[in-house]
C-alpha cells in the first residue's frame, strides 16, 4: 500500500464492529446477566472465564464463544460486563442446566438478570403457558417488524430472574431477531445502569439540602453584618463539603445522563407497536426512567448552583474584608504620615536648638581663648564675643545644612 495507515485505524475499525448481535432461531432460550464489577477488575472475570474453558484476550471488549452447542457472548462495558448464553432447542436439559450454572458463577454483583423464551409464532406447546402468564395489567408488550414481546419486568421470587417472552415468525430471519433482542436487552440494561444515579441522588440529597440551608444562613449573616472572618471560615468549610459531594457524584451523574440518552436511542430505534390490553414499552420506560433522569439532572443543577452561590458569597465577603482592610491601612498610613510630620518638625526644632547650643559653646570657647592670651590686650572679651556671634552661628548653620545634603 502506497499510503501509510493511521496508527489508530485498526482500532477504529474494531470499535465499529463491537457489540455484535447473535443470530437467534426459535425456539430457543436466552439468559443474560449484567454484572457490576467492583474496582473494574476485569482481569478476574477473564481468569474465571478461562477456568470455565473460555478464552478471552486481555484487550478484548467482546467475544463470541461456543461450548457444547451453547453460544456465549461476552461484552465488557466501562464498569460492568454482560454475559449472554444462547441455548438452542437442540441442547439437552443437562447441558442447559450446566450453562445456567456457569453463567451464575461469574464474579460481580448482579445488576440485571433475565430469562428470554424465544418461541415460534402459532406454536401449540406447553411452553406457551409461560407466555400466557404474562398477561396482566402490569404486562408490557409490543411488536417490532412482526416480532412480538411481552414482560412484566418483575423479578421471579424463586431464582431472581426477570422474564421476557418473544414470539417470532417462523419464516423470519435469525439475524433480524437477534438485533431486536439485542436492542431490547440493551434498553433494559442501560435503563438499570441509569437508575444507579437515582439511588445515589436519594442517598446524598440530604447533604445537598443541608448545604443549601447553610449557604442561605451564611448569606443572611453577611447581609446583617456578621463576623466576616467567622463567616468566611464557614464558607470555606462548606465549599470543601460541596467539592467532596461533587467528586462523589460527578461520574455517576454524568454516566446516568449518558445511559439515559442510550435508552432513548434504543427506544426510538425499536419504535414498537402496541399490543391490545398491555402497556407500551414507551409508556413503561418513560414513566419510570424520565423522572429519574430529571431528578438526577435537577440534583446536578442544584449542586452547581450551590457551588456558584458559595463562590459568589465568598467573593463578596472577601471584597468586603479587603475593603475594610484597605480603609484600615489608609487610616494607619495617615496616622504614620502625621507621626512622621510631627517627628520631622521635632527634628527641625532639635536641629535649630542644636545650632544655638553649638554656637553658644563655640562663642564661649572663643571667649576662653581670648582670655588665655593677655598679650592681645583685649579689654572687653564680651564685646568680641558679641561681634563674632552672628558669623559663628551662620558658619555652624551652613555646616549643618551641608552635612544634611551630603547625607541625603
Protein backbone atom coordinates (compact mmCIF):
# COMPACT_ATOMS: atom_id res chain seq x y z
CA UNK A 1 0.00 0.00 0.00
CA UNK A 2 1.41 3.34 -1.04
CA UNK A 3 -0.27 5.37 1.69
CA UNK A 4 0.76 4.93 5.33
CA UNK A 5 -2.24 3.96 7.51
CA UNK A 6 -3.04 5.97 10.60
CA UNK A 7 -1.91 4.12 13.77
CA UNK A 8 -5.46 4.24 15.17
CA UNK A 9 -7.17 3.00 12.01
CA UNK A 10 -7.31 -0.67 13.00
CA UNK A 11 -8.68 0.21 16.44
CA UNK A 12 -11.35 2.45 14.92
CA UNK A 13 -12.47 -0.33 12.60
CA UNK A 14 -12.64 -2.78 15.51
CA UNK A 15 -14.65 -0.26 17.51
CA UNK A 16 -17.24 -0.09 14.73
CA UNK A 17 -17.75 -3.85 15.00
CA UNK A 18 -18.19 -4.01 18.76
CA UNK A 19 -21.45 -5.09 20.38
CA UNK A 20 -22.35 -7.80 17.85
CA UNK A 21 -25.76 -9.45 17.98
CA UNK A 22 -26.40 -13.17 17.97
CA UNK A 23 -28.44 -14.87 15.28
CA UNK A 24 -31.40 -16.43 17.09
CA UNK A 25 -33.68 -19.10 15.63
CA UNK A 26 -36.83 -20.02 17.59
CA UNK A 27 -37.42 -21.97 19.69
CA UNK A 28 -34.55 -21.06 21.95
CA UNK A 29 -33.76 -19.79 25.43
CA UNK A 30 -31.53 -16.81 26.11
CA UNK A 31 -30.10 -15.99 29.52
CA UNK A 32 -28.32 -12.75 30.18
CA UNK A 33 -26.66 -11.26 33.25
CA UNK A 34 -25.32 -7.76 33.69
CA UNK A 35 -22.65 -7.92 36.39
CA UNK A 36 -21.29 -4.83 38.13
CA UNK A 37 -17.53 -5.34 38.59
CA UNK A 38 -16.06 -3.83 41.78
CA UNK A 39 -13.00 -1.65 41.10
CA UNK A 40 -13.38 -2.61 37.40
CA UNK A 41 -11.25 -5.69 37.94
CA UNK A 42 -11.99 -7.30 34.58
CA UNK A 43 -8.88 -9.47 34.81
CA UNK A 44 -10.60 -11.61 37.46
CA UNK A 45 -13.55 -12.08 35.09
CA UNK A 46 -11.26 -13.24 32.27
CA UNK A 47 -9.43 -15.56 34.67
CA UNK A 48 -12.73 -17.11 35.74
CA UNK A 49 -13.78 -17.49 32.11
CA UNK A 50 -10.50 -19.30 31.42
CA UNK A 51 -11.25 -21.74 34.25
CA UNK A 52 -14.59 -22.45 32.58
CA UNK A 53 -12.85 -23.17 29.28
CA UNK A 54 -13.44 -19.80 27.59
CA UNK A 55 -10.53 -17.92 26.05
CA UNK A 56 -10.87 -14.12 26.22
CA UNK A 57 -7.83 -11.98 25.43
CA UNK A 58 -6.75 -9.24 27.80
CA UNK A 59 -7.62 -6.49 25.30
CA UNK A 60 -10.93 -7.93 24.09
CA UNK A 61 -14.06 -5.96 24.91
CA UNK A 62 -16.32 -8.58 23.37
CA UNK A 63 -16.11 -12.20 22.36
CA UNK A 64 -18.42 -14.83 20.87
CA UNK A 65 -17.71 -18.35 22.14
CA UNK A 66 -19.23 -21.78 21.53
CA UNK A 67 -19.35 -24.60 24.03
CA UNK A 68 -21.49 -27.71 23.88
CA UNK A 69 -23.84 -26.12 21.30
CA UNK A 70 -24.40 -23.11 23.62
CA UNK A 71 -23.37 -19.78 22.13
CA UNK A 72 -21.83 -17.36 24.62
CA UNK A 73 -21.47 -13.61 24.18
CA UNK A 74 -19.09 -11.66 26.41
CA UNK A 75 -19.32 -7.85 26.45
CA UNK A 76 -17.24 -5.53 28.57
CA UNK A 77 -18.57 -2.09 29.48
CA UNK A 78 -16.98 0.74 31.42
CA UNK A 79 -17.99 -0.60 34.83
CA UNK A 80 -19.84 -3.84 34.13
CA UNK A 81 -19.90 -6.90 31.92
CA UNK A 82 -22.73 -8.61 30.09
CA UNK A 83 -22.72 -12.39 29.77
CA UNK A 84 -25.27 -13.89 27.39
CA UNK A 85 -25.94 -17.58 26.82
CA UNK A 86 -27.98 -18.63 23.77
CA UNK A 87 -29.36 -22.12 24.37
CA UNK A 88 -30.95 -23.62 21.22
CA UNK A 89 -33.77 -26.13 21.48
CA UNK A 90 -31.41 -28.94 20.50
CA UNK A 91 -29.38 -28.60 23.71
CA UNK A 92 -30.09 -31.27 26.32
CA UNK A 93 -31.50 -30.39 29.72
CA UNK A 94 -28.21 -31.32 31.42
CA UNK A 95 -26.21 -29.07 29.09
CA UNK A 96 -28.71 -26.23 29.59
CA UNK A 97 -28.51 -26.64 33.37
CA UNK A 98 -24.70 -26.58 33.18
CA UNK A 99 -24.84 -23.38 31.10
CA UNK A 100 -27.05 -21.71 33.71
CA UNK A 101 -24.67 -22.80 36.46
CA UNK A 102 -21.67 -21.42 34.57
CA UNK A 103 -23.46 -18.15 33.88
CA UNK A 104 -24.28 -17.70 37.55
CA UNK A 105 -20.72 -18.46 38.62
CA UNK A 106 -19.16 -15.31 37.07
CA UNK A 107 -17.81 -12.81 39.62
CA UNK A 108 -19.53 -9.48 40.20
CA UNK A 109 -22.80 -8.22 41.62
CA UNK A 110 -25.91 -8.80 39.53
CA UNK A 111 -27.41 -5.60 38.20
CA UNK A 112 -29.83 -7.35 35.84
CA UNK A 113 -30.54 -10.98 35.04
CA UNK A 114 -33.24 -12.13 32.66
CA UNK A 115 -34.51 -15.31 31.00
CA UNK A 116 -35.85 -14.93 27.47
CA UNK A 117 -38.09 -17.55 25.92
CA UNK A 118 -37.96 -17.23 22.14
CA UNK A 119 -40.94 -19.08 20.67
CA UNK A 120 -42.12 -19.54 17.08
CA UNK A 121 -45.37 -17.92 16.13
CA UNK A 122 -48.58 -20.05 16.34
CA UNK A 123 -46.95 -22.91 18.13
CA UNK A 124 -49.12 -25.06 20.41
CA UNK A 125 -46.84 -26.14 23.19
CA UNK A 126 -46.80 -26.23 26.99
CA UNK A 127 -44.10 -23.53 26.77
CA UNK A 128 -46.81 -21.07 25.80
CA UNK A 129 -48.12 -21.28 29.35
CA UNK A 130 -45.23 -19.02 30.35
CA UNK A 131 -46.21 -16.55 27.63
CA UNK A 132 -49.87 -16.59 28.72
CA UNK A 133 -48.92 -15.98 32.34
CA UNK A 134 -47.50 -12.63 31.29
CA UNK A 135 -50.88 -11.14 30.54
CA UNK A 136 -51.97 -8.94 33.42
CA UNK A 137 -52.41 -5.22 33.89
CA UNK A 138 -48.67 -4.72 34.54
CA UNK A 139 -47.56 -6.56 31.43
CA UNK A 140 -45.63 -4.56 28.86
CA UNK A 141 -45.86 -5.68 25.27
CA UNK A 142 -45.25 -4.63 21.71
CA UNK A 143 -44.26 -5.73 18.22
CA UNK A 144 -41.23 -4.80 16.14
CA UNK A 145 -41.34 -5.90 12.50
CA UNK A 146 -43.66 -8.80 13.35
CA UNK A 147 -41.58 -9.85 16.37
CA UNK A 148 -43.78 -9.57 19.46
CA UNK A 149 -42.56 -9.43 23.05
CA UNK A 150 -44.07 -9.17 26.49
CA UNK A 151 -42.77 -8.91 30.03
CA UNK A 152 -43.89 -7.65 33.42
CA UNK A 153 -40.31 -6.55 34.25
CA UNK A 154 -40.56 -8.11 37.68
CA UNK A 155 -38.15 -10.46 39.43
CA UNK A 156 -39.05 -14.10 39.85
CA UNK A 157 -39.25 -14.90 43.53
CA UNK A 158 -37.67 -18.32 43.02
CA UNK A 159 -34.50 -17.59 41.02
CA UNK A 160 -34.32 -13.78 40.88
CA UNK A 161 -34.50 -13.62 37.08
CA UNK A 162 -36.74 -11.38 35.08
CA UNK A 163 -38.88 -12.85 32.31
CA UNK A 164 -39.26 -11.87 28.68
CA UNK A 165 -41.24 -13.83 26.10
CA UNK A 166 -40.61 -13.20 22.41
CA UNK A 167 -42.85 -14.61 19.67
CA UNK A 168 -41.11 -14.55 16.30
CA UNK A 169 -42.40 -15.53 12.84
CA UNK A 170 -41.12 -18.94 11.84
CA UNK A 171 -40.05 -17.61 8.44
CA UNK A 172 -38.24 -14.62 9.94
CA UNK A 173 -34.51 -14.03 9.62
CA UNK A 174 -32.39 -15.13 12.59
CA UNK A 175 -30.16 -12.05 12.34
CA UNK A 176 -33.14 -9.67 12.47
CA UNK A 177 -34.49 -11.44 15.53
CA UNK A 178 -31.06 -11.23 17.14
CA UNK A 179 -30.83 -7.47 16.56
CA UNK A 180 -34.29 -6.89 18.04
CA UNK A 181 -33.40 -8.99 21.08
CA UNK A 182 -30.14 -7.10 21.46
CA UNK A 183 -31.91 -3.71 21.32
CA UNK A 184 -34.49 -4.86 23.88
CA UNK A 185 -31.77 -6.11 26.18
CA UNK A 186 -29.60 -3.01 25.83
CA UNK A 187 -32.61 -0.86 26.59
CA UNK A 188 -33.19 -2.76 29.83
CA UNK A 189 -29.50 -2.96 30.74
CA UNK A 190 -28.79 0.73 30.23
CA UNK A 191 -32.05 1.59 31.99
CA UNK A 192 -30.81 -0.20 35.12
CA UNK A 193 -27.38 1.42 34.82
CA UNK A 194 -29.03 4.83 34.51
CA UNK A 195 -31.13 4.22 37.63
CA UNK A 196 -27.95 3.77 39.69
CA UNK A 197 -27.70 7.56 39.61
CA UNK A 198 -31.14 7.91 41.18
CA UNK A 199 -30.12 5.69 44.10
CA UNK A 200 -27.05 7.84 44.68
CA UNK A 201 -29.08 11.07 44.49
CA UNK A 202 -31.52 9.76 47.08
CA UNK A 203 -28.63 8.80 49.32
CA UNK A 204 -26.86 12.18 49.27
CA UNK A 205 -29.75 14.58 48.66
CA UNK A 206 -29.88 15.36 52.41
CA UNK A 207 -26.29 16.65 52.24
CA UNK A 208 -27.24 18.94 49.36
CA UNK A 209 -30.26 20.26 51.26
CA UNK A 210 -28.09 20.93 54.33
CA UNK A 211 -25.59 22.76 52.15
CA UNK A 212 -28.30 24.92 50.60
CA UNK A 213 -29.65 25.81 54.05
CA UNK A 214 -26.15 26.56 55.32
CA UNK A 215 -25.22 28.88 52.47
CA UNK A 216 -28.54 30.68 52.87
CA UNK A 217 -27.81 31.26 56.57
CA UNK A 218 -24.30 32.48 55.79
CA UNK A 219 -25.54 34.94 53.17
CA UNK A 220 -28.12 36.22 55.64
CA UNK A 221 -25.41 36.68 58.26
CA UNK A 222 -23.23 38.52 55.75
CA UNK A 223 -26.12 40.83 54.87
CA UNK A 224 -26.72 41.56 58.55
CA UNK A 225 -23.08 42.48 59.13
CA UNK A 226 -21.89 39.38 60.97
CA UNK A 227 -18.32 38.50 61.84
CA UNK A 228 -16.63 38.43 58.45
CA UNK A 229 -13.79 36.11 59.42
CA UNK A 230 -16.16 33.64 61.04
CA UNK A 231 -18.48 33.61 58.02
CA UNK A 232 -15.51 33.20 55.67
CA UNK A 233 -14.36 30.17 57.65
CA UNK A 234 -17.88 28.73 57.39
CA UNK A 235 -17.93 29.35 53.65
CA UNK A 236 -14.56 27.66 53.15
CA UNK A 237 -15.70 24.62 55.15
CA UNK A 238 -18.93 24.46 53.15
CA UNK A 239 -17.02 24.80 49.88
CA UNK A 240 -14.88 21.80 50.86
CA UNK A 241 -18.02 19.76 51.61
CA UNK A 242 -19.57 20.69 48.26
CA UNK A 243 -16.34 19.83 46.44
CA UNK A 244 -16.37 16.41 48.12
CA UNK A 245 -20.02 15.96 47.16
CA UNK A 246 -19.29 16.88 43.54
CA UNK A 247 -16.36 14.48 43.40
CA UNK A 248 -18.52 11.71 44.80
CA UNK A 249 -21.39 12.22 42.37
CA UNK A 250 -19.79 13.63 39.20
CA UNK A 251 -19.04 10.33 37.47
CA UNK A 252 -22.29 8.61 38.39
CA UNK A 253 -24.48 11.54 37.35
CA UNK A 254 -22.68 12.03 34.04
CA UNK A 255 -22.92 8.27 33.41
CA UNK A 256 -26.64 8.39 34.22
CA UNK A 257 -27.14 11.14 31.63
CA UNK A 258 -25.20 9.13 29.02
CA UNK A 259 -27.09 5.90 29.77
CA UNK A 260 -30.38 7.81 29.59
CA UNK A 261 -29.54 9.02 26.10
CA UNK A 262 -28.76 5.45 25.03
CA UNK A 263 -32.10 4.27 26.41
CA UNK A 264 -33.89 6.94 24.37
CA UNK A 265 -31.95 5.98 21.25
CA UNK A 266 -32.78 2.27 21.64
CA UNK A 267 -36.43 3.10 22.25
CA UNK A 268 -36.54 5.26 19.12
CA UNK A 269 -34.86 2.53 17.10
CA UNK A 270 -37.29 -0.16 18.26
CA UNK A 271 -40.41 2.02 17.86
CA UNK A 272 -42.60 -0.93 18.98
CA UNK A 273 -46.24 -1.14 18.02
CA UNK A 274 -48.62 -1.62 20.98
CA UNK A 275 -50.39 -4.86 21.83
CA UNK A 276 -54.05 -4.63 22.91
CA UNK A 277 -54.58 -4.52 26.67
CA UNK A 278 -50.91 -4.06 27.50
CA UNK A 279 -48.69 -1.15 28.43
CA UNK A 280 -46.47 0.06 25.64
CA UNK A 281 -42.72 -0.08 26.08
CA UNK A 282 -42.53 3.69 25.60
CA UNK A 283 -45.08 4.27 28.36
CA UNK A 284 -43.40 1.90 30.80
CA UNK A 285 -39.90 3.23 30.15
CA UNK A 286 -40.67 6.92 30.04
CA UNK A 287 -42.90 6.84 33.10
CA UNK A 288 -40.10 5.35 35.16
CA UNK A 289 -36.83 6.44 33.58
CA UNK A 290 -37.58 10.04 32.60
CA UNK A 291 -38.50 11.15 36.15
CA UNK A 292 -35.32 9.50 37.42
CA UNK A 293 -33.20 11.25 34.79
CA UNK A 294 -34.84 14.59 35.55
CA UNK A 295 -34.29 14.08 39.27
CA UNK A 296 -30.60 13.43 38.64
CA UNK A 297 -30.40 16.39 36.29
CA UNK A 298 -32.10 18.60 38.86
CA UNK A 299 -29.67 17.40 41.52
CA UNK A 300 -26.73 18.27 39.27
CA UNK A 301 -28.18 21.73 38.58
CA UNK A 302 -28.78 22.36 42.29
CA UNK A 303 -25.27 21.22 43.13
CA UNK A 304 -23.75 23.53 40.53
CA UNK A 305 -25.97 26.39 41.73
CA UNK A 306 -24.87 25.76 45.32
CA UNK A 307 -21.21 25.84 44.28
CA UNK A 308 -21.84 29.10 42.40
CA UNK A 309 -23.63 30.63 45.41
CA UNK A 310 -20.70 29.73 47.63
CA UNK A 311 -18.25 31.18 45.13
CA UNK A 312 -20.21 34.43 44.84
CA UNK A 313 -20.71 34.76 48.61
CA UNK A 314 -17.01 34.10 49.17
CA UNK A 315 -16.12 36.73 46.57
CA UNK A 316 -18.43 39.31 48.14
CA UNK A 317 -17.17 38.56 51.63
CA UNK A 318 -13.54 38.76 50.55
CA UNK A 319 -14.25 42.04 48.76
CA UNK A 320 -15.78 43.45 51.95
CA UNK A 321 -12.89 42.20 54.07
CA UNK A 322 -10.36 43.62 51.60
CA UNK A 323 -12.24 46.95 51.54
CA UNK A 324 -12.21 47.14 55.32
CA UNK A 325 -8.52 46.23 55.41
CA UNK A 326 -7.89 48.90 52.79
CA UNK A 327 -9.67 51.52 54.91
CA UNK A 328 -7.73 50.39 57.98
CA UNK A 329 -4.47 50.53 56.06
CA UNK A 330 -5.30 54.01 54.77
CA UNK A 331 -6.05 55.19 58.30
CA UNK A 332 -2.83 53.59 59.50
CA UNK A 333 -0.88 55.31 56.73
CA UNK A 334 -2.48 58.63 57.59
CA UNK A 335 -1.52 58.10 61.23
CA UNK A 336 2.02 57.18 60.21
CA UNK A 337 2.19 60.26 57.99
CA UNK A 338 1.02 62.51 60.82
CA UNK A 339 3.56 60.92 63.16
CA UNK A 340 6.30 61.38 60.57
CA UNK A 341 5.37 65.04 60.17
CA UNK A 342 5.48 65.56 63.93
CA UNK A 343 8.82 63.79 64.11
CA UNK A 344 10.11 65.94 61.26
CA UNK A 345 9.02 69.14 62.99
CA UNK A 346 10.57 67.93 66.21
CA UNK A 347 13.75 67.08 64.32
CA UNK A 348 13.81 70.57 62.80
CA UNK A 349 13.29 72.06 66.26
CA UNK A 350 16.09 69.98 67.72
CA UNK A 351 18.36 70.90 64.82
CA UNK A 352 17.52 74.58 65.32
CA UNK A 353 18.22 74.34 69.01
CA UNK A 354 21.42 72.44 68.32
CA UNK A 355 22.63 75.35 66.15
CA UNK A 356 22.19 77.74 69.02
CA UNK A 357 23.69 75.31 71.52
CA UNK A 358 26.76 74.67 69.37
CA UNK A 359 27.06 78.39 68.66
CA UNK A 360 26.80 79.17 72.39
CA UNK A 361 29.58 76.76 73.25
CA UNK A 362 31.70 77.92 70.29
CA UNK A 363 31.41 81.58 71.30
CA UNK A 364 32.21 80.59 74.88
CA UNK A 365 35.34 78.76 73.68
CA UNK A 366 36.35 81.88 71.73
CA UNK A 367 35.99 83.91 74.92
CA UNK A 368 38.18 81.45 76.85
CA UNK A 369 40.79 81.54 74.08
CA UNK A 370 40.90 85.35 74.09
CA UNK A 371 41.30 85.38 77.87
CA UNK A 372 44.16 82.91 77.55
CA UNK A 373 46.26 85.37 75.53
CA UNK A 374 46.79 88.53 77.62
CA UNK A 375 49.18 89.80 75.00
CA UNK A 376 46.25 90.54 72.74
CA UNK A 377 45.25 93.33 75.18
CA UNK A 378 41.53 92.86 74.65
CA UNK A 379 39.80 94.97 77.24
CA UNK A 380 36.26 93.64 76.73
CA UNK A 381 36.03 89.91 75.77
CA UNK A 382 32.22 90.01 75.83
CA UNK A 383 32.25 92.71 73.20
CA UNK A 384 34.34 90.50 70.91
CA UNK A 385 32.05 87.52 71.56
CA UNK A 386 29.06 89.65 70.57
CA UNK A 387 30.77 90.68 67.35
CA UNK A 388 31.65 87.10 66.31
CA UNK A 389 28.34 85.56 67.42
CA UNK A 390 26.47 86.11 64.14
CA UNK A 391 29.30 84.84 61.89
CA UNK A 392 29.75 81.80 64.13
CA UNK A 393 26.03 80.97 64.04
CA UNK A 394 25.94 81.41 60.26
CA UNK A 395 29.03 79.23 59.84
CA UNK A 396 27.64 76.44 62.02
CA UNK A 397 24.23 76.60 60.30
CA UNK A 398 25.91 76.40 56.89
CA UNK A 399 27.98 73.41 58.01
CA UNK A 400 24.94 71.54 59.32
CA UNK A 401 22.97 72.16 56.10
CA UNK A 402 25.93 70.88 54.09
CA UNK A 403 26.06 67.75 56.23
CA UNK A 404 22.33 67.09 55.68
CA UNK A 405 22.58 67.48 51.94
CA UNK A 406 25.56 65.23 51.85
CA UNK A 407 23.78 62.54 53.88
CA UNK A 408 20.72 62.66 51.56
